[in-house]
């Protein structure tokens, strides 16, 4: 059954009421005074116009650094079934560290289950994870000090399988990639090829999830690790996680034993600066890992 705007706004109202209870001091939450009443009016009469999207900010104490980090929040009408928009900022953060902190926050929130309220989770994550970025900003701004930056690693994994057909397996692949904020593609058919790119720990989790419990004929053929002092998003070769299905040839019988057009696949790789991967995937005969 489809989720309605009314149901989503009811959940948002419950969440903001909970947050106001948890952050009762003046200035901890900055919220337009008509935001909650306008939502309540709509919930009493859904025939009326939709209220504005809920927008507010929370000032978070990072006690170890004795500074505040402000979390700016924008909730679309269909949140929590649509991702919220978060942006963390602080006068104590330099631009580079602020970008890195927000990149990690976005990745963490993307890994949560869809449909879950997650504003407090974002607040708690910032409390637990802001300190290294604040300390790095402090060191790099000190006179005569050598700049210390928080580095991130983009991992890109090239995964080969004898074939990928089953709908439940494909669903598992796409759901995991979305949850872990990974980009890349899945080439369905025979052979099957998967590429994922994103934060190193998210790629490792993807590899663990799709192999469990018994996908035997699959191997990771190649791994790329690229370290950066900026956002890993600037290093991605793919802008989304794509479903690749090229023209196939072969027997369309009960076993669906048909082969993808690898010429089209090679062209796709070249378009994404990855033509050299074709040799790694197909140029060497090797036994697939069990």
Protein backbone atom coordinates (compact mmCIF):
# COMPACT_ATOMS: atom_id res chain seq x y z
CA UNK A 1 0.00 0.00 0.00
CA UNK A 2 1.38 3.39 -1.02
CA UNK A 3 2.45 5.76 1.73
CA UNK A 4 0.56 9.07 1.80
CA UNK A 5 1.83 12.59 2.43
CA UNK A 6 -0.43 12.75 5.48
CA UNK A 7 1.24 9.69 7.02
CA UNK A 8 4.69 11.14 6.36
CA UNK A 9 3.82 14.52 7.88
CA UNK A 10 2.40 12.81 10.96
CA UNK A 11 5.74 11.07 11.44
CA UNK A 12 7.62 14.33 10.89
CA UNK A 13 5.48 16.04 13.50
CA UNK A 14 6.21 13.27 16.00
CA UNK A 15 9.92 13.57 15.29
CA UNK A 16 10.08 17.35 15.68
CA UNK A 17 8.12 17.13 18.95
CA UNK A 18 10.61 14.54 20.20
CA UNK A 19 13.56 16.74 19.16
CA UNK A 20 12.08 19.78 20.91
CA UNK A 21 11.85 17.69 24.07
CA UNK A 22 15.45 16.51 23.74
CA UNK A 23 16.79 20.00 22.97
CA UNK A 24 14.68 22.28 25.18
CA UNK A 25 17.16 25.14 25.68
CA UNK A 26 16.74 28.37 23.79
CA UNK A 27 18.82 28.40 20.63
CA UNK A 28 19.37 24.64 20.48
CA UNK A 29 16.72 24.26 17.77
CA UNK A 30 15.91 27.09 15.38
CA UNK A 31 12.49 26.52 13.86
CA UNK A 32 10.05 28.93 12.24
CA UNK A 33 7.26 29.60 14.73
CA UNK A 34 4.56 28.76 12.17
CA UNK A 35 6.18 25.51 10.98
CA UNK A 36 4.46 23.15 13.42
CA UNK A 37 1.06 24.95 13.42
CA UNK A 38 0.94 24.87 9.60
CA UNK A 39 1.55 21.11 9.63
CA UNK A 40 -1.14 20.64 12.26
CA UNK A 41 -3.62 22.68 10.20
CA UNK A 42 -2.98 20.52 7.16
CA UNK A 43 -3.35 17.29 9.13
CA UNK A 44 -6.74 18.49 10.37
CA UNK A 45 -7.84 19.30 6.81
CA UNK A 46 -5.87 17.53 4.08
CA UNK A 47 -8.02 19.17 1.41
CA UNK A 48 -6.14 22.40 2.06
CA UNK A 49 -2.75 23.42 0.61
CA UNK A 50 0.36 21.54 1.67
CA UNK A 51 2.44 23.27 4.35
CA UNK A 52 5.99 24.35 3.48
CA UNK A 53 8.66 21.69 3.75
CA UNK A 54 9.90 21.49 7.32
CA UNK A 55 13.18 23.38 7.63
CA UNK A 56 15.13 23.93 10.85
CA UNK A 57 18.59 23.75 12.39
CA UNK A 58 20.03 22.10 15.49
CA UNK A 59 23.09 23.40 17.36
CA UNK A 60 25.14 20.44 18.54
CA UNK A 61 27.74 20.63 21.29
CA UNK A 62 30.93 18.75 20.49
CA UNK A 63 32.16 18.69 24.06
CA UNK A 64 35.72 17.48 23.43
CA UNK A 65 36.39 20.41 21.10
CA UNK A 66 34.24 22.86 23.10
CA UNK A 67 32.59 24.12 19.91
CA UNK A 68 29.19 23.87 18.27
CA UNK A 69 28.31 22.27 14.96
CA UNK A 70 25.09 23.43 13.32
CA UNK A 71 23.04 20.81 11.48
CA UNK A 72 20.73 22.36 8.90
CA UNK A 73 17.75 20.14 8.09
CA UNK A 74 15.24 20.15 5.24
CA UNK A 75 12.55 17.46 5.25
CA UNK A 76 10.71 16.80 1.95
CA UNK A 77 6.99 16.16 2.30
CA UNK A 78 7.50 12.41 1.73
CA UNK A 79 10.27 12.03 4.34
CA UNK A 80 11.05 9.54 5.87
CA UNK A 81 10.34 7.62 2.65
CA UNK A 82 12.38 10.21 0.75
CA UNK A 83 15.86 11.14 1.94
CA UNK A 84 16.19 14.29 4.07
CA UNK A 85 18.70 17.01 3.24
CA UNK A 86 21.37 17.65 5.84
CA UNK A 87 24.22 20.13 5.92
CA UNK A 88 26.63 20.48 8.84
CA UNK A 89 28.60 23.68 9.36
CA UNK A 90 30.73 25.35 12.01
CA UNK A 91 32.88 28.44 12.22
CA UNK A 92 35.59 26.13 13.56
CA UNK A 93 35.62 24.07 10.36
CA UNK A 94 37.69 24.98 7.34
CA UNK A 95 36.01 24.52 3.97
CA UNK A 96 37.80 21.29 3.09
CA UNK A 97 37.06 19.61 6.41
CA UNK A 98 33.45 20.77 6.23
CA UNK A 99 33.03 19.17 2.80
CA UNK A 100 34.58 15.93 4.04
CA UNK A 101 32.39 15.86 7.14
CA UNK A 102 29.24 16.35 5.05
CA UNK A 103 30.30 13.67 2.59
CA UNK A 104 30.65 11.14 5.40
CA UNK A 105 27.37 12.26 6.99
CA UNK A 106 25.53 11.79 3.68
CA UNK A 107 27.06 8.35 3.24
CA UNK A 108 26.04 7.31 6.76
CA UNK A 109 22.45 8.49 6.36
CA UNK A 110 22.21 6.74 2.97
CA UNK A 111 23.16 3.46 4.65
CA UNK A 112 20.13 3.59 6.97
CA UNK A 113 16.93 1.75 6.11
CA UNK A 114 14.44 3.69 4.02
CA UNK A 115 11.38 4.77 5.98
CA UNK A 116 13.25 5.34 9.25
CA UNK A 117 13.24 8.69 11.04
CA UNK A 118 16.87 9.72 11.06
CA UNK A 119 17.34 13.34 12.21
CA UNK A 120 18.41 12.31 15.70
CA UNK A 121 20.64 9.62 14.18
CA UNK A 122 22.37 12.38 12.17
CA UNK A 123 22.75 14.51 15.31
CA UNK A 124 24.29 11.61 17.21
CA UNK A 125 26.60 10.76 14.32
CA UNK A 126 27.90 14.35 14.26
CA UNK A 127 28.48 14.27 18.02
CA UNK A 128 30.50 11.09 17.66
CA UNK A 129 32.41 11.88 14.46
CA UNK A 130 33.00 15.66 14.18
CA UNK A 131 36.05 15.86 16.43
CA UNK A 132 38.74 14.69 13.91
CA UNK A 133 37.54 17.26 11.36
CA UNK A 134 37.51 20.04 13.96
CA UNK A 135 40.99 19.14 15.17
CA UNK A 136 42.29 18.98 11.60
CA UNK A 137 40.85 22.43 10.92
CA UNK A 138 42.48 23.80 14.07
CA UNK A 139 45.91 22.41 13.18
CA UNK A 140 45.78 23.52 9.55
CA UNK A 141 44.84 27.08 10.50
CA UNK A 142 47.62 27.44 13.08
CA UNK A 143 50.43 29.78 12.06
CA UNK A 144 53.54 27.96 10.94
CA UNK A 145 51.89 24.58 11.42
CA UNK A 146 51.98 21.90 8.80
CA UNK A 147 48.48 21.32 7.48
CA UNK A 148 46.92 18.04 8.55
CA UNK A 149 43.90 16.90 6.59
CA UNK A 150 41.41 14.10 7.00
CA UNK A 151 41.85 11.87 3.96
CA UNK A 152 39.23 9.63 2.43
CA UNK A 153 39.64 6.66 0.14
CA UNK A 154 37.44 5.92 -2.84
CA UNK A 155 37.35 2.21 -3.57
CA UNK A 156 36.28 0.81 -6.93
CA UNK A 157 35.66 -2.94 -7.14
CA UNK A 158 35.33 -4.93 -10.37
CA UNK A 159 33.40 -8.14 -9.73
CA UNK A 160 32.97 -11.02 -12.19
CA UNK A 161 30.37 -13.79 -12.13
CA UNK A 162 29.71 -16.67 -14.50
CA UNK A 163 26.19 -15.30 -14.88
CA UNK A 164 23.64 -13.04 -13.21
CA UNK A 165 20.01 -13.93 -13.94
CA UNK A 166 17.87 -14.38 -10.84
CA UNK A 167 15.55 -11.50 -10.01
CA UNK A 168 16.02 -11.88 -6.25
CA UNK A 169 19.80 -11.68 -6.68
CA UNK A 170 19.55 -8.59 -8.87
CA UNK A 171 17.24 -6.97 -6.32
CA UNK A 172 19.78 -7.70 -3.57
CA UNK A 173 22.56 -6.11 -5.65
CA UNK A 174 20.61 -2.93 -6.43
CA UNK A 175 19.17 -2.55 -2.92
CA UNK A 176 22.63 -2.93 -1.35
CA UNK A 177 24.23 -0.43 -3.74
CA UNK A 178 21.52 2.14 -3.02
CA UNK A 179 21.68 1.65 0.74
CA UNK A 180 25.47 2.04 0.78
CA UNK A 181 25.54 5.08 -1.54
CA UNK A 182 27.54 3.23 -4.20
CA UNK A 183 27.68 4.08 -7.89
CA UNK A 184 28.63 1.79 -10.76
CA UNK A 185 26.66 -0.83 -12.68
CA UNK A 186 25.41 -4.40 -12.88
CA UNK A 187 25.69 -6.21 -16.22
CA UNK A 188 23.00 -8.87 -16.27
CA UNK A 189 23.33 -12.12 -18.23
CA UNK A 190 26.30 -14.32 -19.06
CA UNK A 191 28.88 -13.28 -18.04
CA UNK A 192 27.77 -11.06 -15.18
CA UNK A 193 29.85 -8.07 -14.17
CA UNK A 194 29.40 -5.66 -11.26
CA UNK A 195 31.31 -2.47 -10.57
CA UNK A 196 30.81 -0.55 -7.34
CA UNK A 197 32.56 2.62 -6.22
CA UNK A 198 32.25 4.61 -3.02
CA UNK A 199 33.70 4.75 0.46
CA UNK A 200 36.03 1.85 1.13
CA UNK A 201 34.06 0.51 4.08
CA UNK A 202 30.81 0.64 2.09
CA UNK A 203 32.33 -1.34 -0.79
CA UNK A 204 33.59 -3.93 1.67
CA UNK A 205 30.11 -4.22 3.18
CA UNK A 206 28.57 -4.61 -0.30
CA UNK A 207 31.00 -7.42 -1.12
CA UNK A 208 30.15 -9.16 2.15
CA UNK A 209 26.38 -8.83 1.66
CA UNK A 210 26.11 -10.06 -1.92
CA UNK A 211 28.34 -13.10 -1.35
CA UNK A 212 26.33 -14.30 1.65
CA UNK A 213 25.22 -17.01 2.04
CA UNK A 214 26.11 -19.07 -1.03
CA UNK A 215 27.02 -17.15 -4.19
CA UNK A 216 29.96 -19.34 -5.16
CA UNK A 217 30.75 -18.47 -8.77
CA UNK A 218 31.85 -14.92 -8.16
CA UNK A 219 35.23 -13.26 -7.79
CA UNK A 220 36.60 -9.77 -7.30
CA UNK A 221 38.93 -9.35 -10.27
CA UNK A 222 40.34 -5.92 -9.52
CA UNK A 223 40.28 -3.26 -6.79
CA UNK A 224 41.22 0.40 -7.14
CA UNK A 225 41.90 2.60 -4.11
CA UNK A 226 42.25 6.35 -4.63
CA UNK A 227 43.06 8.55 -1.64
CA UNK A 228 41.88 12.15 -1.66
CA UNK A 229 41.88 15.17 0.61
CA UNK A 230 38.59 16.34 -0.90
CA UNK A 231 35.27 14.65 -1.54
CA UNK A 232 35.36 11.18 -3.06
CA UNK A 233 32.41 12.21 -5.23
CA UNK A 234 34.85 14.07 -7.48
CA UNK A 235 36.58 10.76 -8.24
CA UNK A 236 33.55 8.70 -9.22
CA UNK A 237 33.38 7.46 -12.82
CA UNK A 238 29.65 6.76 -12.61
CA UNK A 239 26.90 9.13 -11.51
CA UNK A 240 24.44 6.39 -10.43
CA UNK A 241 24.18 2.61 -10.12
CA UNK A 242 23.12 1.51 -13.60
CA UNK A 243 21.31 -1.58 -14.87
CA UNK A 244 23.22 -2.71 -17.98
CA UNK A 245 21.47 -5.00 -20.44
CA UNK A 246 23.05 -5.18 -23.87
CA UNK A 247 21.92 -7.08 -26.94
CA UNK A 248 22.32 -10.80 -26.32
CA UNK A 249 22.76 -13.86 -28.50
CA UNK A 250 22.48 -17.59 -27.90
CA UNK A 251 19.93 -20.11 -26.71
CA UNK A 252 16.88 -18.55 -25.07
CA UNK A 253 15.74 -21.89 -23.70
CA UNK A 254 14.94 -22.92 -20.17
CA UNK A 255 18.46 -22.14 -18.94
CA UNK A 256 18.51 -18.65 -20.48
CA UNK A 257 22.00 -19.58 -21.66
CA UNK A 258 22.79 -16.49 -23.68
CA UNK A 259 25.81 -14.20 -23.84
CA UNK A 260 25.92 -10.44 -23.57
CA UNK A 261 27.39 -8.50 -26.49
CA UNK A 262 30.83 -7.81 -25.06
CA UNK A 263 31.62 -5.38 -27.86
CA UNK A 264 28.92 -3.07 -26.55
CA UNK A 265 30.22 -3.60 -23.03
CA UNK A 266 33.75 -2.63 -24.08
CA UNK A 267 32.41 0.54 -25.63
CA UNK A 268 30.57 1.33 -22.40
CA UNK A 269 33.79 0.86 -20.41
CA UNK A 270 35.70 3.17 -22.74
CA UNK A 271 33.03 5.85 -22.31
CA UNK A 272 33.70 5.68 -18.57
CA UNK A 273 37.52 5.78 -18.78
CA UNK A 274 37.74 2.07 -17.95
CA UNK A 275 38.62 0.36 -21.22
CA UNK A 276 41.68 -1.25 -19.61
CA UNK A 277 39.41 -3.22 -17.28
CA UNK A 278 38.15 -5.36 -20.18
CA UNK A 279 41.52 -7.15 -20.35
CA UNK A 280 41.49 -7.70 -16.60
CA UNK A 281 38.00 -9.20 -16.68
CA UNK A 282 38.19 -11.35 -19.81
CA UNK A 283 41.77 -11.47 -21.11
CA UNK A 284 43.13 -14.05 -18.67
CA UNK A 285 41.67 -17.50 -18.24
CA UNK A 286 41.18 -18.20 -14.57
CA UNK A 287 39.17 -20.37 -12.27
CA UNK A 288 36.37 -18.53 -10.52
CA UNK A 289 36.71 -18.45 -6.77
CA UNK A 290 34.45 -20.72 -4.78
